[in-house]
Amino acid sequence: MRLLRTRNGRAQKTLAHDDRLVNALARLTLATGAKGRPVPASAVLVDDVFTTGATASAATNILRSSGVRAVYVLTFAMEY
């Protein structure tokens, strides 16, 4: 399964936490080829920077609503 960014939204860094989640949900979708394929039991989500967790949370919600039972998040940097 692949998640795709469907459009450019406002920069996450400029938004409050709740607005980041709404913005991320509006920008992400499953890749077309993923629909109709067997749903894996688990998935690894790779994100470059973890700030508030809004993008990871939005992506996890999309994957879980598609039937993935467990989502593991791998992040390369954390911003304080």
Protein backbone atom coordinates (compact mmCIF):
# COMPACT_ATOMS: atom_id res chain seq x y z
CA MET A 1 0.00 0.00 0.00
CA ARG A 2 1.19 3.49 -0.75
CA LEU A 3 -0.04 6.81 0.50
CA LEU A 4 0.12 9.74 -1.85
CA ARG A 5 -0.03 13.46 -1.26
CA THR A 6 -2.91 14.54 -3.48
CA ARG A 7 -2.36 18.27 -3.30
CA ASN A 8 -0.13 20.88 -1.74
CA GLY A 9 -1.71 22.43 1.30
CA ARG A 10 -0.51 24.97 3.75
CA ALA A 11 2.86 24.25 5.32
CA GLN A 12 2.32 22.10 8.40
CA LYS A 13 4.87 24.12 10.33
CA THR A 14 2.64 27.23 10.17
CA LEU A 15 -0.45 25.50 11.64
CA ALA A 16 -1.70 24.68 15.13
CA HIS A 17 -1.83 20.98 16.07
CA ASP A 18 -5.55 20.44 15.32
CA ASP A 19 -5.25 22.31 12.03
CA ARG A 20 -2.26 20.15 11.08
CA LEU A 21 -4.33 16.99 11.42
CA VAL A 22 -7.14 18.39 9.25
CA ASN A 23 -4.61 19.65 6.68
CA ALA A 24 -2.79 16.29 6.54
CA LEU A 25 -6.02 14.29 6.19
CA ALA A 26 -7.09 16.49 3.27
CA ARG A 27 -3.75 15.99 1.51
CA LEU A 28 -3.31 12.21 1.79
CA THR A 29 -4.98 9.30 0.01
CA LEU A 30 -4.25 5.68 -0.85
CA ALA A 31 -2.59 5.12 -4.21
CA THR A 32 -5.08 4.00 -6.84
CA GLY A 33 -3.35 0.65 -7.32
CA ALA A 34 -3.71 -0.12 -3.61
CA LYS A 35 -7.49 -0.23 -3.83
CA GLY A 36 -8.63 -3.77 -4.59
CA ARG A 37 -5.39 -5.41 -3.42
CA PRO A 38 -5.29 -7.56 -0.30
CA VAL A 39 -4.89 -5.44 2.81
CA PRO A 40 -1.75 -6.24 4.81
CA ALA A 41 -2.11 -6.97 8.52
CA SER A 42 0.53 -4.35 9.33
CA ALA A 43 2.32 -1.45 7.68
CA VAL A 44 5.42 0.64 8.29
CA LEU A 45 4.94 4.37 7.85
CA VAL A 46 8.15 6.30 7.11
CA ASP A 47 8.12 10.03 7.87
CA ASP A 48 11.09 12.36 7.62
CA VAL A 49 10.35 14.67 10.58
CA PHE A 50 8.07 14.15 13.59
CA THR A 51 6.92 17.48 15.00
CA THR A 52 3.41 17.17 16.45
CA GLY A 53 2.61 13.77 14.97
CA ALA A 54 -0.30 15.12 12.91
CA THR A 55 0.93 13.70 9.59
CA ALA A 56 1.71 10.30 11.13
CA SER A 57 -1.67 10.30 12.84
CA ALA A 58 -3.55 11.21 9.66
CA ALA A 59 -1.69 8.57 7.64
CA THR A 60 -2.35 5.98 10.34
CA ASN A 61 -6.07 6.83 10.30
CA ILE A 62 -6.22 6.32 6.54
CA LEU A 63 -4.38 3.00 6.71
CA ARG A 64 -6.46 1.74 9.64
CA SER A 65 -9.71 2.72 7.91
CA SER A 66 -8.53 0.64 4.93
CA GLY A 67 -8.21 -2.44 7.13
CA VAL A 68 -4.57 -2.38 8.29
CA ARG A 69 -4.58 -3.56 11.92
CA ALA A 70 -1.16 -2.31 13.05
CA VAL A 71 0.82 0.71 11.83
CA TYR A 72 4.42 1.26 12.92
CA VAL A 73 5.97 4.70 12.45
CA LEU A 74 9.65 5.14 11.57
CA THR A 75 10.92 8.73 11.77
CA PHE A 76 14.36 10.09 10.96
CA ALA A 77 14.23 13.35 12.94
CA MET A 78 12.21 14.91 15.71
CA GLU A 79 11.63 18.64 16.02
CA TYR A 80 11.19 20.18 19.47
